[in-house]
Amino acid sequence: MGAEGLSLEAACDRAADSGIPSCPSCGRALQERFCPHCGEKKFDPDHLTLRHFFEQVVEVFTHADNRFFRSFKLLITRPGFLTNEYMNGRRKPYLQPVQLFLVANLLFFFVQTFSVLQPLTTALWLHTHNMPYQERAQKIVDEEISRQHLTLEEYSARFNAKEETESKAWVIVMVPCLAVVLALVYVRKHRVLVKHLVFSFHFHAFALLVLAAMGVLLSPIAFALSSPLRQSEAQVYLPWVDRALTMVLGAVLIYYLYRSIRAVYSSGKAASFLLAWVFALAMFEILLLYRRFLFYVTVHALS
């Protein structure tokens, strides 16, 4: 019987009887530097030193940094490239799409803690005064305030704090929404659904980076404009600032979508430009749905 047909216990016994070192993880005979069965590194007692420990730490972070910086550099400078690499099977040199999105998400929400710009969270006042569903939202808020015997100020403070927490977990719901739109548009030409999902993960990762950058660059300006008026939650919201930021963000994302579509879907210039606008408008609607969804999730969490 070959080594493959042995149980783990039998493999350990055979290795021990032969005098050959055994793998510390799977117990099989280990004659090389790495175990051919599980990949565990051969144990060396000389490695149980602080020097070797810190050498491993440096190696791990250096290796991670290479993939990290390479992935984000290509994400920003070569739209669509990482999606094509993934679909062509070249994945090891880069962070995986979900990893890239999660890192961008963490970076974005880290910046949010120091920023007055909150593009993915919506204060309760905006839900009830500046959204298409504002009347329904106001009715629900009135019912919750009455049921919980709270003032509007108390409920608003609880709602805003809870929504900030919920948004970190639920922002990912926008990714499959865009993937569905892509699948509908390319239903005849590109039927590999994973391709649309990977495209969406990479696009949203880039969008989160742009939002993070805007938060860093524009927060001092927004704070200076709003601080003289900071007497109530309603007065902090400046519609013209919101519209200006939306236009800048829209222009950046449309251009990025245009280049990504050309690279990934091999569309012509005119078709790519048109589709970039279509997908940007779709993202605007998805964002509205996300805000409405987040409102109901937050209300439910506070119930």
Protein backbone atom coordinates (compact mmCIF):
# COMPACT_ATOMS: atom_id res chain seq x y z
CA MET A 1 0.00 0.00 0.00
CA GLY A 2 1.35 3.46 -0.91
CA ALA A 3 1.73 6.38 1.46
CA GLU A 4 -1.45 7.93 0.04
CA GLY A 5 -3.49 4.92 1.23
CA LEU A 6 -2.22 5.07 4.83
CA SER A 7 -4.17 6.55 7.68
CA LEU A 8 -2.61 9.50 9.53
CA GLU A 9 -1.67 7.26 12.49
CA ALA A 10 -0.05 4.66 10.23
CA ALA A 11 1.90 7.34 8.39
CA CYS A 12 3.21 8.70 11.69
CA ASP A 13 4.25 5.21 12.83
CA ARG A 14 6.03 4.49 9.55
CA ALA A 15 7.90 7.80 9.73
CA ALA A 16 8.92 7.14 13.33
CA ASP A 17 10.09 3.59 12.56
CA SER A 18 12.22 4.73 9.65
CA GLY A 19 13.94 7.45 11.65
CA ILE A 20 12.78 10.10 9.16
CA PRO A 21 11.43 13.34 10.73
CA SER A 22 7.65 13.59 10.57
CA CYS A 23 5.57 16.59 9.61
CA PRO A 24 4.38 18.40 12.78
CA SER A 25 0.96 19.00 11.20
CA CYS A 26 -0.02 15.83 9.29
CA GLY A 27 2.54 13.38 10.74
CA ARG A 28 3.80 12.03 7.41
CA ALA A 29 7.46 11.49 6.62
CA LEU A 30 9.16 14.80 5.87
CA GLN A 31 12.36 14.66 3.85
CA GLU A 32 12.14 18.05 2.18
CA ARG A 33 11.93 21.60 3.50
CA PHE A 34 8.16 21.69 3.06
CA CYS A 35 5.67 18.84 3.48
CA PRO A 36 4.37 17.72 0.05
CA HIS A 37 1.00 16.80 1.59
CA CYS A 38 0.01 19.82 3.70
CA GLY A 39 2.70 22.42 2.96
CA GLU A 40 3.93 22.66 6.57
CA LYS A 41 7.56 23.81 6.92
CA LYS A 42 10.07 21.37 8.40
CA PHE A 43 10.53 22.03 12.11
CA ASP A 44 13.93 23.28 13.21
CA PRO A 45 14.60 23.81 16.96
CA ASP A 46 17.03 26.61 16.03
CA HIS A 47 14.02 28.60 14.83
CA LEU A 48 12.68 28.94 18.38
CA THR A 49 14.44 32.25 18.90
CA LEU A 50 13.19 35.82 19.06
CA ARG A 51 15.41 36.75 16.14
CA HIS A 52 13.84 34.15 13.88
CA PHE A 53 10.36 35.13 15.08
CA PHE A 54 10.85 38.77 14.14
CA GLU A 55 12.46 37.79 10.84
CA GLN A 56 9.25 35.88 10.01
CA VAL A 57 7.14 38.88 11.00
CA VAL A 58 9.13 41.14 8.67
CA GLU A 59 8.88 38.57 5.87
CA VAL A 60 5.11 38.25 6.24
CA PHE A 61 4.52 41.99 6.20
CA THR A 62 6.91 42.54 3.30
CA HIS A 63 5.17 39.86 1.26
CA ALA A 64 1.75 41.26 2.14
CA ASP A 65 2.86 44.78 1.29
CA ASN A 66 4.03 43.69 -2.15
CA ARG A 67 0.63 42.24 -3.00
CA PHE A 68 -1.17 45.09 -1.26
CA PHE A 69 0.57 47.96 -3.02
CA ARG A 70 0.69 46.17 -6.36
CA SER A 71 -3.04 45.47 -6.24
CA PHE A 72 -4.07 48.99 -5.27
CA LYS A 73 -1.66 50.60 -7.71
CA LEU A 74 -3.11 48.56 -10.59
CA LEU A 75 -6.67 49.12 -9.36
CA ILE A 76 -6.18 52.87 -9.60
CA THR A 77 -3.92 53.21 -12.63
CA ARG A 78 -5.21 50.41 -14.89
CA PRO A 79 -9.01 50.12 -14.68
CA GLY A 80 -10.21 46.62 -15.54
CA PHE A 81 -6.75 45.06 -15.44
CA LEU A 82 -7.26 43.15 -12.18
CA THR A 83 -10.60 41.81 -13.41
CA ASN A 84 -8.96 40.46 -16.56
CA GLU A 85 -6.09 38.97 -14.55
CA TYR A 86 -8.55 37.18 -12.29
CA MET A 87 -10.59 35.83 -15.19
CA ASN A 88 -7.39 34.64 -16.91
CA GLY A 89 -6.32 32.73 -13.80
CA ARG A 90 -3.43 35.01 -12.79
CA ARG A 91 -4.42 35.58 -9.16
CA LYS A 92 -1.51 34.87 -6.84
CA PRO A 93 0.36 38.20 -7.30
CA TYR A 94 -2.71 40.21 -6.26
CA LEU A 95 -5.22 40.53 -3.46
CA GLN A 96 -8.41 38.64 -4.25
CA PRO A 97 -11.43 40.80 -5.27
CA VAL A 98 -13.19 40.37 -1.93
CA GLN A 99 -9.96 41.07 -0.02
CA LEU A 100 -9.37 44.21 -2.06
CA PHE A 101 -12.91 45.41 -1.40
CA LEU A 102 -12.70 44.70 2.35
CA VAL A 103 -9.37 46.52 2.70
CA ALA A 104 -10.77 49.51 0.79
CA ASN A 105 -13.87 49.36 2.98
CA LEU A 106 -11.78 49.38 6.17
CA LEU A 107 -9.70 52.27 4.86
CA PHE A 108 -12.82 54.24 3.91
CA PHE A 109 -14.52 53.83 7.29
CA PHE A 110 -11.27 54.60 9.10
CA VAL A 111 -11.14 57.92 7.23
CA GLN A 112 -14.83 58.47 8.01
CA THR A 113 -14.05 58.70 11.73
CA PHE A 114 -12.08 61.90 11.04
CA SER A 115 -14.28 63.29 8.26
CA VAL A 116 -17.39 65.46 8.25
CA LEU A 117 -18.29 63.98 4.86
CA GLN A 118 -20.54 60.92 5.26
CA PRO A 119 -21.47 59.70 1.74
CA LEU A 120 -22.51 56.18 2.76
CA THR A 121 -24.28 57.06 5.99
CA THR A 122 -27.38 59.22 6.11
CA ALA A 123 -28.37 61.22 9.18
CA LEU A 124 -31.93 60.70 10.38
CA TRP A 125 -32.85 64.27 9.45
CA LEU A 126 -31.90 63.58 5.82
CA HIS A 127 -33.94 60.35 5.78
CA THR A 128 -37.03 62.28 6.88
CA HIS A 129 -36.49 65.53 4.94
CA ASN A 130 -34.40 64.96 1.80
CA MET A 131 -35.08 61.47 0.43
CA PRO A 132 -37.76 60.16 -1.97
CA TYR A 133 -39.15 58.02 0.89
CA GLN A 134 -39.09 60.87 3.42
CA GLU A 135 -42.82 60.79 4.25
CA ARG A 136 -42.74 57.06 5.00
CA ALA A 137 -39.53 57.50 6.99
CA GLN A 138 -41.04 60.33 9.04
CA LYS A 139 -44.10 58.23 9.85
CA ILE A 140 -41.93 55.31 11.03
CA VAL A 141 -39.75 57.62 13.15
CA ASP A 142 -42.82 59.18 14.80
CA GLU A 143 -44.15 55.71 15.63
CA GLU A 144 -40.80 54.61 17.09
CA ILE A 145 -40.42 57.75 19.19
CA SER A 146 -43.92 57.31 20.58
CA ARG A 147 -43.44 53.60 21.25
CA GLN A 148 -40.05 54.00 22.94
CA HIS A 149 -41.03 57.20 24.82
CA LEU A 150 -38.07 59.16 23.50
CA THR A 151 -37.57 62.70 22.27
CA LEU A 152 -36.63 63.29 18.64
CA GLU A 153 -33.14 64.38 19.73
CA GLU A 154 -32.62 61.19 21.75
CA TYR A 155 -33.81 58.93 18.95
CA SER A 156 -31.75 60.80 16.36
CA ALA A 157 -28.57 60.37 18.39
CA ARG A 158 -29.22 56.64 18.78
CA PHE A 159 -30.18 56.23 15.13
CA ASN A 160 -27.15 58.03 13.73
CA ALA A 161 -24.71 56.11 15.92
CA LYS A 162 -26.34 52.77 15.07
CA GLU A 163 -26.52 53.48 11.33
CA GLU A 164 -22.80 54.26 11.24
CA THR A 165 -22.15 50.79 12.68
CA GLU A 166 -24.63 49.05 10.39
CA SER A 167 -23.28 50.74 7.25
CA LYS A 168 -19.88 49.10 7.72
CA ALA A 169 -21.45 45.65 7.50
CA TRP A 170 -24.03 46.31 4.79
CA VAL A 171 -22.13 48.40 2.23
CA ILE A 172 -21.25 45.12 0.48
CA VAL A 173 -24.89 44.68 -0.63
CA MET A 174 -24.28 47.21 -3.41
CA VAL A 175 -21.73 44.91 -5.07
CA PRO A 176 -24.16 42.17 -6.24
CA CYS A 177 -26.67 44.85 -7.26
CA LEU A 178 -24.27 46.27 -9.85
CA ALA A 179 -23.32 42.72 -10.90
CA VAL A 180 -27.01 42.04 -11.67
CA VAL A 181 -27.20 45.20 -13.82
CA LEU A 182 -24.06 44.10 -15.70
CA ALA A 183 -25.52 40.63 -16.22
CA LEU A 184 -28.73 42.09 -17.66
CA VAL A 185 -26.87 44.39 -20.06
CA TYR A 186 -24.45 41.68 -21.21
CA VAL A 187 -26.92 38.79 -21.05
CA ARG A 188 -26.12 37.67 -24.62
CA LYS A 189 -22.38 38.34 -24.84
CA HIS A 190 -20.89 37.58 -21.44
CA ARG A 191 -22.71 34.86 -19.58
CA VAL A 192 -20.04 34.20 -16.94
CA LEU A 193 -21.69 35.70 -13.86
CA VAL A 194 -18.46 35.60 -11.85
CA LYS A 195 -16.96 38.08 -14.30
CA HIS A 196 -19.63 40.66 -13.49
CA LEU A 197 -19.24 40.08 -9.76
CA VAL A 198 -15.44 40.46 -9.90
CA PHE A 199 -15.84 43.62 -11.99
CA SER A 200 -18.27 44.99 -9.40
CA PHE A 201 -15.96 44.21 -6.47
CA HIS A 202 -13.08 46.01 -8.18
CA PHE A 203 -15.22 48.99 -9.14
CA HIS A 204 -16.62 49.40 -5.62
CA ALA A 205 -13.14 49.08 -4.14
CA PHE A 206 -12.01 51.96 -6.36
CA ALA A 207 -15.12 53.98 -5.47
CA LEU A 208 -14.42 53.54 -1.75
CA LEU A 209 -10.84 54.73 -2.27
CA VAL A 210 -12.09 57.82 -4.10
CA LEU A 211 -14.56 58.54 -1.30
CA ALA A 212 -11.81 58.11 1.26
CA ALA A 213 -9.55 60.51 -0.65
CA MET A 214 -12.36 63.05 -0.92
CA GLY A 215 -12.93 62.75 2.81
CA VAL A 216 -9.28 63.51 3.53
CA LEU A 217 -8.97 66.38 1.05
CA LEU A 218 -12.33 68.09 1.44
CA SER A 219 -13.19 67.61 5.11
CA PRO A 220 -11.35 70.79 6.25
CA ILE A 221 -13.24 72.83 3.65
CA ALA A 222 -16.61 71.27 4.48
CA PHE A 223 -16.00 71.71 8.20
CA ALA A 224 -15.07 75.37 7.76
CA LEU A 225 -18.21 76.00 5.73
CA SER A 226 -20.55 74.18 8.07
CA SER A 227 -19.10 75.02 11.51
CA PRO A 228 -20.49 78.61 11.65
CA LEU A 229 -23.94 77.13 11.02
CA ARG A 230 -23.57 74.12 13.32
CA GLN A 231 -26.61 74.84 15.49
CA SER A 232 -28.74 71.89 14.48
CA GLU A 233 -28.48 68.68 12.49
CA ALA A 234 -30.47 70.19 9.64
CA GLN A 235 -28.14 73.16 9.26
CA VAL A 236 -25.02 71.02 8.87
CA TYR A 237 -26.32 69.72 5.56
CA LEU A 238 -25.33 72.03 2.71
CA PRO A 239 -27.20 71.05 -0.49
CA TRP A 240 -24.87 72.90 -2.87
CA VAL A 241 -21.84 71.19 -1.33
CA ASP A 242 -23.55 67.82 -1.68
CA ARG A 243 -24.39 68.50 -5.34
CA ALA A 244 -20.85 69.67 -6.11
CA LEU A 245 -19.33 66.57 -4.52
CA THR A 246 -21.81 64.36 -6.38
CA MET A 247 -20.81 65.92 -9.71
CA VAL A 248 -17.07 65.48 -9.02
CA LEU A 249 -17.51 61.92 -7.82
CA GLY A 250 -19.80 61.13 -10.76
CA ALA A 251 -17.27 62.42 -13.29
CA VAL A 252 -14.45 60.35 -11.76
CA LEU A 253 -16.51 57.17 -11.60
CA ILE A 254 -17.91 57.57 -15.12
CA TYR A 255 -14.38 57.92 -16.51
CA TYR A 256 -13.25 54.89 -14.49
CA LEU A 257 -16.24 52.87 -15.69
CA TYR A 258 -15.52 53.88 -19.28
CA ARG A 259 -11.95 52.59 -19.12
CA SER A 260 -12.94 49.47 -17.19
CA ILE A 261 -15.69 48.55 -19.66
CA ARG A 262 -13.32 48.95 -22.59
CA ALA A 263 -10.71 46.74 -20.93
CA VAL A 264 -12.97 44.01 -19.58
CA TYR A 265 -15.81 43.81 -22.08
CA SER A 266 -13.91 44.92 -25.21
CA SER A 267 -16.57 47.49 -26.11
CA GLY A 268 -15.96 50.31 -28.56
CA LYS A 269 -15.43 53.89 -27.43
CA ALA A 270 -18.99 55.07 -28.09
CA ALA A 271 -20.60 52.00 -26.56
CA SER A 272 -18.29 52.16 -23.53
CA PHE A 273 -19.07 55.83 -22.97
CA LEU A 274 -22.81 55.21 -23.19
CA LEU A 275 -22.64 52.19 -20.90
CA ALA A 276 -20.52 54.12 -18.39
CA TRP A 277 -23.36 56.63 -18.08
CA VAL A 278 -25.93 53.85 -17.82
CA PHE A 279 -24.01 52.11 -15.05
CA ALA A 280 -23.35 55.40 -13.24
CA LEU A 281 -27.09 56.15 -13.22
CA ALA A 282 -27.72 52.61 -12.06
CA MET A 283 -25.23 53.17 -9.22
CA PHE A 284 -27.09 56.32 -8.20
CA GLU A 285 -30.33 54.33 -7.95
CA ILE A 286 -28.53 51.53 -6.11
CA LEU A 287 -27.19 54.09 -3.63
CA LEU A 288 -30.72 55.37 -2.98
CA LEU A 289 -31.93 51.81 -2.44
CA TYR A 290 -28.97 51.19 -0.14
CA ARG A 291 -29.82 54.26 1.96
CA ARG A 292 -33.46 53.18 2.20
CA PHE A 293 -32.41 49.64 3.08
CA LEU A 294 -30.01 50.98 5.72
CA PHE A 295 -32.79 53.10 7.21
CA TYR A 296 -35.05 50.07 7.73
CA VAL A 297 -32.16 47.94 9.03
CA THR A 298 -31.22 50.62 11.57
CA VAL A 299 -34.80 51.16 12.72
CA HIS A 300 -35.22 47.40 13.17
CA ALA A 301 -31.95 47.19 15.13
CA LEU A 302 -33.16 49.92 17.50
CA SER A 303 -36.59 48.35 18.02
